[in-house]
């Protein structure tokens, strides 16, 4: 901490002696004003989708190689509410398809050549690892029991 405060003191004295103090402060002010005025011109990184996948909330999300949005969801108000599971959308979230429903689907991982892997728990059974070879549209393969 001592070195940092000493550096700041000497750096401020250097700026004053060389006349660069006003230049540095002017550059900082210009950058702040520029960033503030141009913030509305930045593209949004996130946008709300018009559709909502079934379940209590999204637990994970990936974008498949073909552009599909693939999500996992938890169950809502189980056992009388909506099941969780894997959902996918090919129209930027306007509509959602449900290839399988489980108590809780937790994680997704992208593989190569359209492969996606997910962990899902069909309560009271044990959680399992599943694989899709078609960008998340079908999930015919249960690979391993987890845990």
N, C-alpha and C. Protein backbone atom coordinates (compact mmCIF):
# COMPACT_ATOMS: atom_id res chain seq x y z
N UNK A 1 0.83 -1.19 0.00
CA UNK A 1 0.00 0.00 0.00
C UNK A 1 0.87 1.25 0.00
N UNK A 2 1.99 1.21 0.74
CA UNK A 2 2.89 2.35 0.81
C UNK A 2 3.44 2.69 -0.57
N UNK A 3 3.80 1.65 -1.34
CA UNK A 3 4.38 1.89 -2.66
C UNK A 3 3.37 2.53 -3.60
N UNK A 4 2.11 2.10 -3.53
CA UNK A 4 1.09 2.66 -4.39
C UNK A 4 0.85 4.13 -4.07
N UNK A 5 0.72 4.48 -2.80
CA UNK A 5 0.49 5.88 -2.44
C UNK A 5 1.70 6.74 -2.79
N UNK A 6 2.91 6.23 -2.62
CA UNK A 6 4.12 6.97 -3.01
C UNK A 6 4.14 7.19 -4.51
N UNK A 7 3.78 6.16 -5.27
CA UNK A 7 3.75 6.28 -6.72
C UNK A 7 2.75 7.36 -7.15
N UNK A 8 1.56 7.35 -6.54
CA UNK A 8 0.54 8.34 -6.90
C UNK A 8 1.02 9.75 -6.61
N UNK A 9 1.66 9.95 -5.48
CA UNK A 9 2.17 11.29 -5.13
C UNK A 9 3.20 11.74 -6.17
N UNK A 10 4.19 10.88 -6.48
CA UNK A 10 5.22 11.25 -7.45
C UNK A 10 4.63 11.43 -8.85
N UNK A 11 3.64 10.61 -9.21
CA UNK A 11 3.02 10.72 -10.53
C UNK A 11 2.28 12.05 -10.64
N UNK A 12 1.55 12.46 -9.60
CA UNK A 12 0.85 13.75 -9.62
C UNK A 12 1.84 14.91 -9.72
N UNK A 13 2.96 14.83 -9.00
CA UNK A 13 3.98 15.88 -9.08
C UNK A 13 4.58 15.94 -10.49
N UNK A 14 4.81 14.76 -11.09
CA UNK A 14 5.33 14.71 -12.45
C UNK A 14 4.37 15.38 -13.42
N UNK A 15 3.08 15.10 -13.29
CA UNK A 15 2.09 15.70 -14.17
C UNK A 15 2.06 17.22 -14.02
N UNK A 16 2.15 17.71 -12.80
CA UNK A 16 2.13 19.15 -12.55
C UNK A 16 3.37 19.82 -13.15
N UNK A 17 4.56 19.20 -12.95
CA UNK A 17 5.81 19.77 -13.44
C UNK A 17 5.87 19.80 -14.96
N UNK A 18 5.35 18.79 -15.60
CA UNK A 18 5.46 18.72 -17.06
C UNK A 18 4.30 19.40 -17.76
N UNK A 19 3.29 19.87 -17.00
CA UNK A 19 2.14 20.53 -17.61
C UNK A 19 1.15 19.55 -18.23
N UNK A 20 1.32 18.28 -17.96
CA UNK A 20 0.44 17.27 -18.55
C UNK A 20 -0.81 17.03 -17.71
N UNK A 21 -0.87 17.64 -16.54
CA UNK A 21 -2.00 17.40 -15.64
C UNK A 21 -3.33 17.76 -16.33
N UNK A 22 -3.37 18.94 -16.95
CA UNK A 22 -4.60 19.37 -17.62
C UNK A 22 -4.92 18.46 -18.81
N UNK A 23 -3.89 18.01 -19.53
CA UNK A 23 -4.10 17.13 -20.67
C UNK A 23 -4.71 15.80 -20.22
N UNK A 24 -4.16 15.20 -19.19
CA UNK A 24 -4.66 13.91 -18.70
C UNK A 24 -6.10 14.05 -18.22
N UNK A 25 -6.38 15.09 -17.44
CA UNK A 25 -7.75 15.29 -16.94
C UNK A 25 -8.71 15.56 -18.10
N UNK A 26 -8.26 16.29 -19.11
CA UNK A 26 -9.11 16.56 -20.28
C UNK A 26 -9.44 15.27 -21.03
N UNK A 27 -8.44 14.40 -21.18
CA UNK A 27 -8.67 13.11 -21.85
C UNK A 27 -9.67 12.27 -21.07
N UNK A 28 -9.53 12.25 -19.76
CA UNK A 28 -10.46 11.47 -18.92
C UNK A 28 -11.88 12.01 -19.07
N UNK A 29 -12.05 13.32 -19.05
CA UNK A 29 -13.38 13.92 -19.18
C UNK A 29 -13.98 13.61 -20.55
N UNK A 30 -13.17 13.71 -21.60
CA UNK A 30 -13.66 13.40 -22.94
C UNK A 30 -14.10 11.94 -23.03
N UNK A 31 -13.34 11.03 -22.46
CA UNK A 31 -13.72 9.61 -22.48
C UNK A 31 -15.02 9.37 -21.73
N UNK A 32 -15.18 10.00 -20.58
CA UNK A 32 -16.42 9.83 -19.80
C UNK A 32 -17.61 10.35 -20.58
N UNK A 33 -17.48 11.54 -21.17
CA UNK A 33 -18.58 12.11 -21.94
C UNK A 33 -18.88 11.25 -23.17
N UNK A 34 -17.85 10.80 -23.85
CA UNK A 34 -18.03 9.96 -25.04
C UNK A 34 -18.78 8.67 -24.69
N UNK A 35 -18.36 8.01 -23.63
CA UNK A 35 -19.00 6.75 -23.22
C UNK A 35 -20.45 7.00 -22.80
N UNK A 36 -20.70 8.10 -22.10
CA UNK A 36 -22.05 8.39 -21.64
C UNK A 36 -22.98 8.69 -22.81
N UNK A 37 -22.52 9.47 -23.77
CA UNK A 37 -23.37 9.85 -24.90
C UNK A 37 -23.61 8.71 -25.87
N UNK A 38 -22.67 7.80 -26.00
CA UNK A 38 -22.78 6.72 -26.97
C UNK A 38 -23.34 5.42 -26.40
N UNK A 39 -23.75 5.42 -25.16
CA UNK A 39 -24.23 4.18 -24.57
C UNK A 39 -25.52 3.70 -25.24
N UNK A 40 -26.34 4.64 -25.72
CA UNK A 40 -27.58 4.25 -26.39
C UNK A 40 -27.33 3.66 -27.77
N UNK A 41 -26.17 3.92 -28.34
CA UNK A 41 -25.86 3.39 -29.66
C UNK A 41 -25.31 1.97 -29.61
N UNK A 42 -25.06 1.47 -28.43
CA UNK A 42 -24.54 0.11 -28.29
C UNK A 42 -25.66 -0.90 -28.51
N UNK A 43 -25.34 -1.98 -29.19
CA UNK A 43 -26.32 -3.04 -29.37
C UNK A 43 -26.53 -3.78 -28.07
N UNK A 44 -27.78 -4.12 -27.80
CA UNK A 44 -28.07 -4.89 -26.59
C UNK A 44 -27.48 -6.29 -26.71
N UNK A 45 -26.89 -6.76 -25.65
CA UNK A 45 -26.35 -8.11 -25.66
C UNK A 45 -27.45 -9.13 -25.40
N UNK A 46 -28.48 -8.73 -24.70
CA UNK A 46 -29.58 -9.62 -24.37
C UNK A 46 -30.87 -9.00 -24.85
N UNK A 47 -31.80 -9.84 -25.28
CA UNK A 47 -33.13 -9.35 -25.59
C UNK A 47 -34.14 -10.36 -25.08
N UNK A 48 -35.27 -9.85 -24.63
CA UNK A 48 -36.30 -10.72 -24.08
C UNK A 48 -37.00 -11.45 -25.22
N UNK A 49 -37.22 -12.74 -25.03
CA UNK A 49 -37.92 -13.51 -26.05
C UNK A 49 -39.42 -13.42 -25.79
N UNK A 50 -40.22 -13.46 -26.85
CA UNK A 50 -41.66 -13.35 -26.64
C UNK A 50 -42.29 -14.60 -26.03
N UNK A 51 -41.66 -15.75 -26.19
CA UNK A 51 -42.19 -16.98 -25.62
C UNK A 51 -41.45 -17.38 -24.36
N UNK A 52 -42.09 -18.19 -23.56
CA UNK A 52 -41.48 -18.66 -22.31
C UNK A 52 -41.52 -20.18 -22.31
N UNK A 53 -40.36 -20.83 -22.13
CA UNK A 53 -40.37 -22.29 -22.07
C UNK A 53 -41.05 -22.78 -20.79
N UNK A 54 -41.72 -23.93 -20.86
CA UNK A 54 -42.38 -24.50 -19.69
C UNK A 54 -41.37 -24.85 -18.61
N UNK A 55 -41.79 -24.72 -17.38
CA UNK A 55 -40.94 -25.01 -16.23
C UNK A 55 -40.89 -23.82 -15.31
N UNK A 56 -40.16 -23.94 -14.21
CA UNK A 56 -40.13 -22.85 -13.23
C UNK A 56 -39.07 -21.81 -13.56
N UNK A 57 -38.14 -22.13 -14.40
CA UNK A 57 -37.09 -21.19 -14.75
C UNK A 57 -35.98 -21.91 -15.48
N UNK A 58 -35.23 -21.15 -16.21
CA UNK A 58 -34.14 -21.72 -17.00
C UNK A 58 -32.95 -21.96 -16.09
N UNK A 59 -32.40 -23.17 -16.14
CA UNK A 59 -31.24 -23.50 -15.33
C UNK A 59 -29.94 -23.47 -16.12
N UNK A 60 -30.02 -23.58 -17.45
CA UNK A 60 -28.84 -23.49 -18.30
C UNK A 60 -29.29 -23.22 -19.73
N UNK A 61 -28.38 -22.69 -20.56
CA UNK A 61 -28.74 -22.35 -21.93
C UNK A 61 -27.50 -22.46 -22.82
N UNK A 62 -27.70 -22.97 -24.04
CA UNK A 62 -26.66 -22.98 -25.05
C UNK A 62 -27.29 -22.61 -26.39
N UNK A 63 -26.45 -22.16 -27.30
CA UNK A 63 -26.88 -21.93 -28.68
C UNK A 63 -26.24 -23.03 -29.52
N UNK A 64 -27.07 -23.86 -30.13
CA UNK A 64 -26.59 -24.99 -30.91
C UNK A 64 -25.95 -24.51 -32.21
N UNK A 65 -25.21 -25.41 -32.87
CA UNK A 65 -24.51 -25.06 -34.11
C UNK A 65 -25.47 -24.57 -35.20
N UNK A 66 -26.72 -25.06 -35.20
CA UNK A 66 -27.68 -24.64 -36.21
C UNK A 66 -28.45 -23.38 -35.81
N UNK A 67 -28.12 -22.80 -34.65
CA UNK A 67 -28.77 -21.58 -34.19
C UNK A 67 -29.91 -21.80 -33.21
N UNK A 68 -30.30 -23.06 -32.96
CA UNK A 68 -31.34 -23.33 -31.97
C UNK A 68 -30.91 -22.83 -30.60
N UNK A 69 -31.87 -22.26 -29.86
CA UNK A 69 -31.65 -21.97 -28.44
C UNK A 69 -32.10 -23.22 -27.70
N UNK A 70 -31.23 -23.80 -26.90
CA UNK A 70 -31.56 -24.99 -26.13
C UNK A 70 -31.40 -24.63 -24.65
N UNK A 71 -32.45 -24.91 -23.85
CA UNK A 71 -32.42 -24.58 -22.43
C UNK A 71 -32.83 -25.80 -21.61
N UNK A 72 -32.39 -25.81 -20.36
CA UNK A 72 -32.90 -26.76 -19.39
C UNK A 72 -33.73 -25.97 -18.39
N UNK A 73 -34.79 -26.60 -17.87
CA UNK A 73 -35.65 -25.93 -16.90
C UNK A 73 -35.92 -26.85 -15.72
N UNK A 74 -36.23 -26.23 -14.60
CA UNK A 74 -36.62 -26.97 -13.40
C UNK A 74 -38.14 -27.13 -13.40
N UNK A 75 -38.66 -27.98 -12.52
CA UNK A 75 -40.10 -28.15 -12.43
C UNK A 75 -40.70 -27.01 -11.62
N UNK A 76 -42.01 -26.81 -11.79
CA UNK A 76 -42.73 -25.76 -11.08
C UNK A 76 -43.89 -26.40 -10.33
N UNK A 77 -43.96 -26.17 -9.03
CA UNK A 77 -45.07 -26.65 -8.20
C UNK A 77 -45.27 -28.16 -8.35
N UNK A 78 -44.15 -28.88 -8.31
CA UNK A 78 -44.21 -30.32 -8.49
C UNK A 78 -44.95 -30.97 -7.34
N UNK A 79 -45.77 -31.97 -7.50
CA UNK A 79 -46.03 -32.75 -8.72
C UNK A 79 -47.23 -32.27 -9.52
N UNK A 80 -47.89 -31.21 -9.09
CA UNK A 80 -49.12 -30.78 -9.76
C UNK A 80 -48.92 -29.70 -10.82
N UNK A 81 -47.72 -29.14 -10.91
CA UNK A 81 -47.46 -28.05 -11.84
C UNK A 81 -46.77 -28.53 -13.10
N UNK A 82 -45.94 -27.67 -13.64
CA UNK A 82 -45.22 -27.98 -14.88
C UNK A 82 -43.94 -28.75 -14.58
N UNK A 83 -43.67 -29.73 -15.42
CA UNK A 83 -42.39 -30.44 -15.32
C UNK A 83 -41.27 -29.58 -15.87
N UNK A 84 -40.07 -29.86 -15.41
CA UNK A 84 -38.89 -29.27 -16.02
C UNK A 84 -38.48 -30.13 -17.19
N UNK A 85 -37.31 -29.88 -17.73
CA UNK A 85 -36.82 -30.70 -18.82
C UNK A 85 -35.97 -29.90 -19.78
N UNK A 86 -35.87 -30.40 -21.00
CA UNK A 86 -35.12 -29.73 -22.06
C UNK A 86 -36.11 -29.08 -23.01
N UNK A 87 -35.84 -27.84 -23.39
CA UNK A 87 -36.68 -27.10 -24.34
C UNK A 87 -35.77 -26.53 -25.43
N UNK A 88 -36.30 -26.41 -26.65
CA UNK A 88 -35.50 -25.79 -27.71
C UNK A 88 -36.39 -24.92 -28.58
N UNK A 89 -35.79 -23.90 -29.15
CA UNK A 89 -36.49 -22.97 -30.02
C UNK A 89 -35.65 -22.72 -31.26
N UNK A 90 -36.30 -22.77 -32.42
CA UNK A 90 -35.59 -22.47 -33.67
C UNK A 90 -35.98 -21.10 -34.21
N UNK A 91 -36.83 -20.36 -33.48
CA UNK A 91 -37.29 -19.05 -33.95
C UNK A 91 -37.01 -17.95 -32.93
N UNK A 92 -35.83 -18.00 -32.33
CA UNK A 92 -35.35 -17.00 -31.37
C UNK A 92 -36.23 -16.87 -30.14
N UNK A 93 -36.85 -17.96 -29.72
CA UNK A 93 -37.62 -17.96 -28.48
C UNK A 93 -39.09 -17.60 -28.63
N UNK A 94 -39.59 -17.48 -29.84
CA UNK A 94 -41.01 -17.19 -30.03
C UNK A 94 -41.83 -18.41 -29.60
N UNK A 95 -41.43 -19.58 -30.06
CA UNK A 95 -42.10 -20.82 -29.66
C UNK A 95 -41.05 -21.78 -29.11
N UNK A 96 -41.49 -22.70 -28.26
CA UNK A 96 -40.59 -23.64 -27.61
C UNK A 96 -41.11 -25.05 -27.80
N UNK A 97 -40.21 -25.98 -28.08
CA UNK A 97 -40.51 -27.40 -28.20
C UNK A 97 -39.98 -28.11 -26.97
N UNK A 98 -40.68 -29.15 -26.56
CA UNK A 98 -40.31 -29.91 -25.36
C UNK A 98 -40.02 -31.35 -25.72
N UNK A 99 -38.77 -31.69 -26.05
CA UNK A 99 -38.47 -33.07 -26.43
C UNK A 99 -38.63 -34.07 -25.30
N UNK A 100 -38.37 -33.66 -24.05
CA UNK A 100 -38.71 -34.53 -22.93
C UNK A 100 -38.88 -33.73 -21.65
N UNK A 101 -39.78 -34.22 -20.80
CA UNK A 101 -40.08 -33.58 -19.52
C UNK A 101 -39.54 -34.43 -18.39
N UNK A 102 -38.85 -33.77 -17.47
CA UNK A 102 -38.35 -34.44 -16.28
C UNK A 102 -38.60 -33.54 -15.10
N UNK A 103 -38.38 -34.07 -13.92
CA UNK A 103 -38.53 -33.26 -12.71
C UNK A 103 -37.62 -32.03 -12.77
N UNK A 104 -36.38 -32.25 -13.17
CA UNK A 104 -35.42 -31.14 -13.19
C UNK A 104 -34.32 -31.46 -14.19
N UNK A 105 -34.08 -30.55 -15.11
CA UNK A 105 -32.92 -30.65 -16.00
C UNK A 105 -31.98 -29.53 -15.57
N UNK A 106 -30.70 -29.87 -15.42
CA UNK A 106 -29.81 -28.92 -14.77
C UNK A 106 -28.80 -28.23 -15.68
N UNK A 107 -28.02 -28.99 -16.42
CA UNK A 107 -26.90 -28.40 -17.14
C UNK A 107 -26.88 -28.86 -18.59
N UNK A 108 -26.27 -28.04 -19.43
CA UNK A 108 -26.07 -28.35 -20.85
C UNK A 108 -24.61 -28.14 -21.20
N UNK A 109 -24.13 -28.91 -22.16
CA UNK A 109 -22.76 -28.72 -22.66
C UNK A 109 -22.77 -28.99 -24.16
N UNK A 110 -22.13 -28.10 -24.91
CA UNK A 110 -22.04 -28.26 -26.36
C UNK A 110 -20.92 -29.21 -26.72
N UNK A 111 -21.20 -30.12 -27.62
CA UNK A 111 -20.17 -30.98 -28.19
C UNK A 111 -19.91 -30.52 -29.62
N UNK A 112 -19.33 -31.38 -30.42
CA UNK A 112 -19.06 -31.06 -31.83
C UNK A 112 -20.11 -31.71 -32.72
N UNK A 113 -20.24 -31.17 -33.93
CA UNK A 113 -21.10 -31.75 -34.96
C UNK A 113 -22.55 -31.92 -34.51
N UNK A 114 -23.08 -30.94 -33.81
CA UNK A 114 -24.49 -30.97 -33.41
C UNK A 114 -24.79 -31.72 -32.13
N UNK A 115 -23.79 -32.23 -31.44
CA UNK A 115 -24.01 -32.96 -30.20
C UNK A 115 -24.17 -31.99 -29.04
N UNK A 116 -25.15 -32.27 -28.18
CA UNK A 116 -25.37 -31.52 -26.95
C UNK A 116 -25.60 -32.54 -25.84
N UNK A 117 -25.06 -32.26 -24.66
CA UNK A 117 -25.20 -33.15 -23.52
C UNK A 117 -25.92 -32.41 -22.40
N UNK A 118 -26.76 -33.14 -21.65
CA UNK A 118 -27.44 -32.52 -20.52
C UNK A 118 -27.57 -33.52 -19.38
N UNK A 119 -27.66 -32.97 -18.18
CA UNK A 119 -27.99 -33.80 -17.03
C UNK A 119 -29.44 -33.52 -16.66
N UNK A 120 -30.19 -34.59 -16.40
CA UNK A 120 -31.60 -34.44 -16.04
C UNK A 120 -31.94 -35.45 -14.95
N UNK A 121 -32.85 -35.04 -14.10
CA UNK A 121 -33.24 -35.84 -12.95
C UNK A 121 -34.72 -36.11 -13.03
N UNK A 122 -35.10 -37.36 -13.21
CA UNK A 122 -36.50 -37.77 -13.26
C UNK A 122 -36.88 -38.33 -11.90
N UNK A 123 -37.11 -37.43 -10.95
CA UNK A 123 -37.39 -37.80 -9.56
C UNK A 123 -38.48 -38.85 -9.50
N UNK A 124 -38.35 -39.88 -8.73
CA UNK A 124 -37.35 -40.17 -7.71
C UNK A 124 -36.16 -40.97 -8.25
N UNK A 125 -36.11 -41.20 -9.54
CA UNK A 125 -34.98 -41.95 -10.11
C UNK A 125 -33.69 -41.14 -9.97
N UNK A 126 -32.59 -41.75 -10.32
CA UNK A 126 -31.28 -41.11 -10.23
C UNK A 126 -31.06 -40.18 -11.43
N UNK A 127 -30.31 -39.13 -11.20
CA UNK A 127 -29.97 -38.20 -12.28
C UNK A 127 -29.13 -38.92 -13.33
N UNK A 128 -29.37 -38.57 -14.60
CA UNK A 128 -28.66 -39.23 -15.69
C UNK A 128 -28.11 -38.19 -16.68
N UNK A 129 -27.11 -38.62 -17.43
CA UNK A 129 -26.52 -37.80 -18.49
C UNK A 129 -27.15 -38.24 -19.81
N UNK A 130 -27.65 -37.28 -20.58
CA UNK A 130 -28.31 -37.56 -21.86
C UNK A 130 -27.54 -36.87 -22.98
N UNK A 131 -27.74 -37.38 -24.21
CA UNK A 131 -27.05 -36.82 -25.37
C UNK A 131 -28.04 -36.65 -26.52
N UNK A 132 -27.87 -35.55 -27.25
CA UNK A 132 -28.63 -35.29 -28.46
C UNK A 132 -27.64 -35.11 -29.60
N UNK A 133 -27.88 -35.75 -30.73
CA UNK A 133 -26.97 -35.63 -31.87
C UNK A 133 -27.54 -34.71 -32.95
N UNK A 134 -28.69 -34.08 -32.69
CA UNK A 134 -29.33 -33.25 -33.71
C UNK A 134 -29.64 -31.84 -33.19
N UNK A 135 -28.66 -31.23 -32.52
CA UNK A 135 -28.76 -29.85 -32.03
C UNK A 135 -29.88 -29.67 -31.01
N UNK A 136 -30.15 -30.70 -30.22
CA UNK A 136 -31.10 -30.58 -29.12
C UNK A 136 -32.55 -30.87 -29.46
N UNK A 137 -32.84 -31.31 -30.68
CA UNK A 137 -34.24 -31.54 -31.05
C UNK A 137 -34.78 -32.85 -30.49
N UNK A 138 -33.97 -33.88 -30.40
CA UNK A 138 -34.38 -35.14 -29.78
C UNK A 138 -33.29 -35.60 -28.83
N UNK A 139 -33.69 -36.38 -27.81
CA UNK A 139 -32.76 -36.83 -26.78
C UNK A 139 -32.95 -38.34 -26.56
N UNK A 140 -32.60 -39.15 -27.53
CA UNK A 140 -32.87 -40.59 -27.43
C UNK A 140 -31.89 -41.37 -26.58
N UNK A 141 -30.75 -40.77 -26.24
CA UNK A 141 -29.69 -41.54 -25.59
C UNK A 141 -29.46 -41.13 -24.15
N UNK A 142 -29.62 -42.09 -23.25
CA UNK A 142 -29.21 -41.90 -21.87
C UNK A 142 -27.84 -42.56 -21.74
N UNK A 143 -26.83 -41.78 -21.44
CA UNK A 143 -25.46 -42.30 -21.45
C UNK A 143 -25.02 -42.89 -20.12
N UNK A 144 -25.21 -42.12 -19.04
CA UNK A 144 -24.66 -42.54 -17.75
C UNK A 144 -25.59 -42.14 -16.63
N UNK A 145 -25.52 -42.89 -15.55
CA UNK A 145 -26.16 -42.49 -14.32
C UNK A 145 -25.19 -41.61 -13.57
N UNK A 146 -25.66 -40.46 -13.10
CA UNK A 146 -24.81 -39.51 -12.40
C UNK A 146 -24.98 -39.72 -10.90
N UNK A 147 -23.86 -39.82 -10.19
CA UNK A 147 -23.91 -39.91 -8.74
C UNK A 147 -24.10 -41.26 -8.17
